[in-house]
């Protein structure tokens, strides 16, 4: 850890940066071998001072889970065979967790919440902010760098503003949080989701954010943040559900706002459901 003589503002910014980098206070302490000149409670107060919305779940496990389930759908093999083939000592997600996710997905049920953001610029309405997902740690499941919209876990029952703020802090404007210049005005007072989409056992609420300027983007979770057209995104590797979100957003923009928020299944869910039907009929 760098040596901070005064343990003042620079140290606080360092702590906030480490939190965004590792995802939890526990992981920061673990990474630094529990050798930080601050208590857990003091660390929590620093995050509160900087307005940080605490993480709602580990995106690394989410990415691994979606990667394994995608292999099940693609290769039409059992979860056990896929896990055995692609498991490694560094794999974070367990077979019990995967079986639970797969069970809920095939039943068409969700047990967790997520938030995804379609971010456009008023001068570029047909381009969408995407970045390269850096949370995948197991190269057997794919390389880091699959394109993703800003998205992450949400807490059940929390205010949508907090859900949106968490994603923006962690995946779009991380440096602005530490500079106390976060663009809070971008978040609507009463945000309403454009759609819901089921990705594995997660019900993802999708919101639209329109930028009125071009603030600098920064994130430890998404690299190379930039605006891309759907046609360009379609030819690249993406996280499950990303293409469907953008495609449905474009369709919805052609019609008046529906009275009931539409809900969709990702292609991953549809493929896993169809695979379960084949196995049950066989």
Protein backbone atom coordinates (compact mmCIF):
# COMPACT_ATOMS: atom_id res chain seq x y z
CA UNK A 1 0.00 0.00 0.00
CA UNK A 2 1.31 3.49 -0.77
CA UNK A 3 2.47 5.39 2.32
CA UNK A 4 0.18 8.27 3.27
CA UNK A 5 1.67 10.54 5.89
CA UNK A 6 -1.39 12.63 6.69
CA UNK A 7 -4.06 9.97 6.17
CA UNK A 8 -6.14 12.84 4.82
CA UNK A 9 -8.03 13.44 1.61
CA UNK A 10 -5.57 11.55 -0.59
CA UNK A 11 -5.87 8.51 1.65
CA UNK A 12 -9.65 8.72 1.59
CA UNK A 13 -9.67 8.89 -2.21
CA UNK A 14 -7.35 5.91 -2.27
CA UNK A 15 -9.77 3.94 -0.08
CA UNK A 16 -12.70 4.82 -2.34
CA UNK A 17 -10.68 3.79 -5.39
CA UNK A 18 -9.75 0.47 -3.78
CA UNK A 19 -13.39 -0.18 -2.93
CA UNK A 20 -14.46 0.30 -6.54
CA UNK A 21 -11.54 -1.83 -7.72
CA UNK A 22 -12.24 -4.80 -5.42
CA UNK A 23 -16.01 -4.52 -4.82
CA UNK A 24 -16.24 -4.74 -1.02
CA UNK A 25 -14.51 -3.56 2.15
CA UNK A 26 -13.70 -7.16 3.07
CA UNK A 27 -11.96 -7.77 -0.25
CA UNK A 28 -9.91 -4.59 0.13
CA UNK A 29 -8.71 -5.64 3.58
CA UNK A 30 -7.96 -9.14 2.29
CA UNK A 31 -5.99 -7.78 -0.68
CA UNK A 32 -3.89 -5.65 1.69
CA UNK A 33 -3.40 -8.55 4.14
CA UNK A 34 -5.57 -6.72 6.68
CA UNK A 35 -2.87 -4.08 7.01
CA UNK A 36 -4.74 -0.81 6.58
CA UNK A 37 -4.53 2.08 9.05
CA UNK A 38 -8.30 2.31 9.38
CA UNK A 39 -11.10 0.25 10.95
CA UNK A 40 -14.00 -1.34 9.09
CA UNK A 41 -16.34 1.25 10.59
CA UNK A 42 -13.98 4.08 9.61
CA UNK A 43 -13.76 2.73 6.05
CA UNK A 44 -17.56 2.61 5.87
CA UNK A 45 -17.76 6.24 7.03
CA UNK A 46 -15.36 7.28 4.26
CA UNK A 47 -17.55 5.60 1.63
CA UNK A 48 -20.61 7.32 3.07
CA UNK A 49 -18.81 10.67 3.00
CA UNK A 50 -18.18 10.24 -0.73
CA UNK A 51 -21.77 9.12 -1.38
CA UNK A 52 -20.79 5.62 -2.50
CA UNK A 53 -23.72 3.23 -2.96
CA UNK A 54 -22.50 -0.10 -1.61
CA UNK A 55 -22.26 -3.12 -3.91
CA UNK A 56 -25.26 -5.44 -4.09
CA UNK A 57 -23.50 -8.56 -5.37
CA UNK A 58 -20.25 -9.81 -6.91
CA UNK A 59 -20.25 -9.20 -10.67
CA UNK A 60 -17.33 -11.64 -11.04
CA UNK A 61 -19.54 -14.53 -9.96
CA UNK A 62 -22.35 -13.25 -12.19
CA UNK A 63 -20.07 -13.24 -15.23
CA UNK A 64 -18.79 -16.74 -14.49
CA UNK A 65 -22.33 -18.04 -13.97
CA UNK A 66 -23.55 -16.58 -17.25
CA UNK A 67 -20.49 -17.94 -19.02
CA UNK A 68 -21.07 -21.49 -17.80
CA UNK A 69 -24.82 -21.38 -18.51
CA UNK A 70 -24.08 -20.11 -22.02
CA UNK A 71 -21.83 -23.13 -22.58
CA UNK A 72 -24.63 -25.43 -21.38
CA UNK A 73 -27.00 -23.84 -23.91
CA UNK A 74 -24.44 -23.81 -26.74
CA UNK A 75 -23.07 -27.33 -26.37
CA UNK A 76 -26.28 -28.91 -25.03
CA UNK A 77 -24.33 -30.81 -22.41
CA UNK A 78 -25.18 -31.34 -18.76
CA UNK A 79 -24.13 -28.76 -16.22
CA UNK A 80 -21.86 -31.34 -14.55
CA UNK A 81 -19.99 -32.08 -17.78
CA UNK A 82 -19.55 -28.40 -18.58
CA UNK A 83 -18.39 -27.62 -15.05
CA UNK A 84 -15.95 -30.54 -15.07
CA UNK A 85 -14.52 -29.48 -18.39
CA UNK A 86 -14.13 -25.80 -17.61
CA UNK A 87 -13.64 -25.78 -13.84
CA UNK A 88 -10.39 -24.43 -12.49
CA UNK A 89 -8.98 -23.76 -9.02
CA UNK A 90 -9.87 -20.07 -9.39
CA UNK A 91 -13.52 -20.64 -10.27
CA UNK A 92 -15.67 -18.62 -7.85
CA UNK A 93 -19.12 -20.04 -8.50
CA UNK A 94 -20.05 -23.47 -7.11
CA UNK A 95 -22.05 -26.26 -8.75
CA UNK A 96 -24.76 -25.84 -6.07
CA UNK A 97 -25.15 -22.19 -7.02
CA UNK A 98 -25.24 -23.05 -10.73
CA UNK A 99 -27.86 -25.77 -10.21
CA UNK A 100 -30.00 -23.29 -8.28
CA UNK A 101 -29.68 -20.67 -11.03
CA UNK A 102 -30.41 -23.24 -13.74
CA UNK A 103 -33.43 -24.58 -11.84
CA UNK A 104 -35.00 -21.13 -11.47
CA UNK A 105 -34.18 -20.19 -15.05
CA UNK A 106 -35.83 -23.29 -16.50
CA UNK A 107 -38.92 -22.66 -14.38
CA UNK A 108 -39.09 -19.10 -15.71
CA UNK A 109 -38.57 -17.67 -12.21
CA UNK A 110 -36.25 -14.98 -10.93
CA UNK A 111 -34.84 -14.59 -7.44
CA UNK A 112 -32.41 -11.69 -7.86
CA UNK A 113 -32.58 -8.14 -9.18
CA UNK A 114 -30.34 -6.22 -11.55
CA UNK A 115 -30.14 -2.84 -13.25
CA UNK A 116 -28.92 -2.08 -16.78
CA UNK A 117 -28.48 1.35 -18.34
CA UNK A 118 -28.92 2.37 -21.95
CA UNK A 119 -26.87 5.56 -22.10
CA UNK A 120 -27.09 7.76 -25.17
CA UNK A 121 -26.05 11.29 -26.07
CA UNK A 122 -28.64 13.75 -27.33
CA UNK A 123 -26.52 14.22 -30.46
CA UNK A 124 -26.10 10.43 -30.92
CA UNK A 125 -29.50 8.84 -30.22
CA UNK A 126 -28.63 5.69 -32.19
CA UNK A 127 -25.35 5.00 -30.43
CA UNK A 128 -25.06 3.30 -27.04
CA UNK A 129 -22.43 3.47 -24.34
CA UNK A 130 -20.69 0.10 -24.01
CA UNK A 131 -17.45 -1.10 -22.49
CA UNK A 132 -15.35 -4.24 -22.23
CA UNK A 133 -16.32 -6.35 -19.24
CA UNK A 134 -13.24 -6.93 -17.05
CA UNK A 135 -14.84 -9.13 -14.37
CA UNK A 136 -14.17 -12.53 -15.98
CA UNK A 137 -11.22 -14.25 -14.31
CA UNK A 138 -11.40 -17.77 -15.80
CA UNK A 139 -10.00 -17.76 -19.34
CA UNK A 140 -11.54 -21.20 -19.99
CA UNK A 141 -14.93 -19.48 -20.00
CA UNK A 142 -13.82 -16.80 -22.41
CA UNK A 143 -11.53 -13.81 -22.51
CA UNK A 144 -12.00 -10.55 -20.72
CA UNK A 145 -13.44 -7.95 -22.99
CA UNK A 146 -16.94 -9.08 -23.94
CA UNK A 147 -18.97 -5.94 -24.61
CA UNK A 148 -21.50 -4.93 -22.00
CA UNK A 149 -23.87 -2.14 -21.18
CA UNK A 150 -23.33 -0.67 -17.72
CA UNK A 151 -25.19 -3.13 -15.49
CA UNK A 152 -24.99 -4.84 -12.13
CA UNK A 153 -26.83 -6.33 -9.18
CA UNK A 154 -29.50 -4.40 -7.28
CA UNK A 155 -30.99 -4.88 -3.84
CA UNK A 156 -34.59 -6.09 -3.71
CA UNK A 157 -36.93 -3.23 -2.84
CA UNK A 158 -34.37 -0.44 -3.02
CA UNK A 159 -35.10 2.97 -4.53
CA UNK A 160 -34.45 2.83 -8.31
CA UNK A 161 -32.39 6.02 -8.02
CA UNK A 162 -29.93 4.15 -5.81
CA UNK A 163 -29.83 1.22 -8.24
CA UNK A 164 -29.02 3.56 -11.12
CA UNK A 165 -26.52 5.54 -9.05
CA UNK A 166 -24.65 2.35 -8.08
CA UNK A 167 -24.21 1.35 -11.73
CA UNK A 168 -23.13 4.84 -12.78
CA UNK A 169 -20.61 5.04 -9.93
CA UNK A 170 -19.11 1.61 -10.53
CA UNK A 171 -19.24 1.37 -14.31
CA UNK A 172 -19.35 4.85 -15.86
CA UNK A 173 -18.15 7.74 -13.64
CA UNK A 174 -15.88 6.17 -11.01
CA UNK A 175 -13.28 8.96 -11.01
CA UNK A 176 -15.96 11.64 -10.71
CA UNK A 177 -17.09 10.08 -7.43
CA UNK A 178 -13.62 10.61 -5.96
CA UNK A 179 -13.50 14.15 -7.36
CA UNK A 180 -16.86 15.03 -5.77
CA UNK A 181 -18.13 16.07 -9.20
CA UNK A 182 -20.58 13.26 -9.92
CA UNK A 183 -23.37 14.33 -12.36
CA UNK A 184 -26.37 13.58 -10.12
CA UNK A 185 -28.62 15.61 -12.43
CA UNK A 186 -28.55 12.77 -14.97
CA UNK A 187 -30.69 10.54 -12.73
CA UNK A 188 -34.47 11.22 -13.01
CA UNK A 189 -36.33 12.01 -9.78
CA UNK A 190 -38.76 9.16 -10.37
CA UNK A 191 -37.08 6.73 -12.79
CA UNK A 192 -39.31 4.23 -14.55
CA UNK A 193 -37.85 1.17 -16.26
CA UNK A 194 -38.27 0.93 -20.03
CA UNK A 195 -38.43 -2.84 -19.81
CA UNK A 196 -37.57 -5.85 -17.72
CA UNK A 197 -35.43 -8.66 -19.07
CA UNK A 198 -34.74 -11.99 -17.44
CA UNK A 199 -31.09 -13.00 -17.68
CA UNK A 200 -30.60 -16.37 -15.93
CA UNK A 201 -32.36 -15.96 -12.56
CA UNK A 202 -31.97 -12.17 -12.51
CA UNK A 203 -34.78 -9.78 -13.36
CA UNK A 204 -33.01 -6.80 -14.86
CA UNK A 205 -34.69 -3.38 -14.86
CA UNK A 206 -33.53 -1.33 -17.84
CA UNK A 207 -33.40 2.48 -17.72
CA UNK A 208 -32.46 5.11 -20.29
CA UNK A 209 -30.03 7.91 -19.43
CA UNK A 210 -29.41 10.72 -21.92
CA UNK A 211 -26.22 12.72 -21.59
CA UNK A 212 -26.25 16.45 -22.25
CA UNK A 213 -22.48 16.69 -22.41
CA UNK A 214 -19.50 14.38 -22.64
CA UNK A 215 -18.10 13.87 -19.14
CA UNK A 216 -15.06 11.65 -18.85
CA UNK A 217 -15.85 7.96 -18.41
CA UNK A 218 -13.95 5.75 -15.98
CA UNK A 219 -14.47 2.35 -14.40
CA UNK A 220 -12.53 -0.62 -13.06
CA UNK A 221 -15.28 -2.98 -14.29
CA UNK A 222 -15.74 -1.72 -17.85
CA UNK A 223 -12.78 -0.61 -19.92
CA UNK A 224 -12.69 1.33 -23.19
CA UNK A 225 -16.09 2.92 -22.61
CA UNK A 226 -17.38 4.39 -25.87
CA UNK A 227 -20.51 4.84 -28.00
CA UNK A 228 -21.28 2.19 -30.60
CA UNK A 229 -24.07 1.54 -33.11
CA UNK A 230 -26.14 -1.61 -32.76
CA UNK A 231 -24.87 -2.85 -36.13
CA UNK A 232 -21.30 -2.65 -34.87
CA UNK A 233 -22.10 -4.27 -31.52
CA UNK A 234 -23.90 -7.17 -33.22
CA UNK A 235 -20.68 -8.43 -34.77
CA UNK A 236 -18.76 -8.54 -31.49
CA UNK A 237 -18.82 -10.81 -28.44
CA UNK A 238 -21.23 -9.52 -25.84
CA UNK A 239 -22.43 -10.51 -22.39
CA UNK A 240 -25.72 -12.45 -22.40
CA UNK A 241 -28.75 -10.20 -22.74
CA UNK A 242 -26.97 -7.11 -24.02
CA UNK A 243 -28.01 -7.36 -27.68
CA UNK A 244 -31.61 -8.17 -26.75
CA UNK A 245 -31.80 -5.11 -24.48
CA UNK A 246 -30.66 -2.76 -27.24
CA UNK A 247 -32.78 -4.44 -29.91
CA UNK A 248 -35.91 -4.20 -27.78
CA UNK A 249 -35.09 -0.60 -26.88
CA UNK A 250 -34.97 0.31 -30.57
CA UNK A 251 -38.31 -1.43 -31.19
CA UNK A 252 -39.97 0.28 -28.22
CA UNK A 253 -38.74 3.70 -29.36
CA UNK A 254 -40.85 3.37 -32.53
CA UNK A 255 -44.13 3.26 -30.59
CA UNK A 256 -45.86 5.26 -27.85
CA UNK A 257 -44.88 4.37 -24.30
CA UNK A 258 -46.80 1.22 -23.28
CA UNK A 259 -49.10 1.39 -20.27
CA UNK A 260 -47.47 -1.71 -18.79
CA UNK A 261 -43.70 -2.10 -18.70
CA UNK A 262 -42.85 -4.94 -21.12
CA UNK A 263 -40.89 -7.96 -19.93
CA UNK A 264 -38.64 -10.15 -22.05
CA UNK A 265 -36.55 -13.27 -21.74
CA UNK A 266 -32.95 -13.18 -22.88
CA UNK A 267 -31.88 -15.60 -25.58
CA UNK A 268 -29.91 -17.44 -22.90
CA UNK A 269 -33.08 -18.13 -20.93
CA UNK A 270 -35.04 -19.12 -24.01
CA UNK A 271 -32.31 -21.55 -25.06
CA UNK A 272 -32.04 -23.10 -21.60
CA UNK A 273 -35.81 -23.46 -21.40
CA UNK A 274 -35.95 -25.11 -24.84
CA UNK A 275 -33.12 -27.45 -23.85
CA UNK A 276 -35.01 -28.46 -20.70
CA UNK A 277 -38.10 -29.21 -22.80
CA UNK A 278 -36.06 -31.46 -25.10
CA UNK A 279 -34.57 -33.36 -22.16
CA UNK A 280 -37.95 -33.80 -20.46
CA UNK A 281 -39.61 -35.06 -23.65
CA UNK A 282 -36.74 -37.43 -24.29
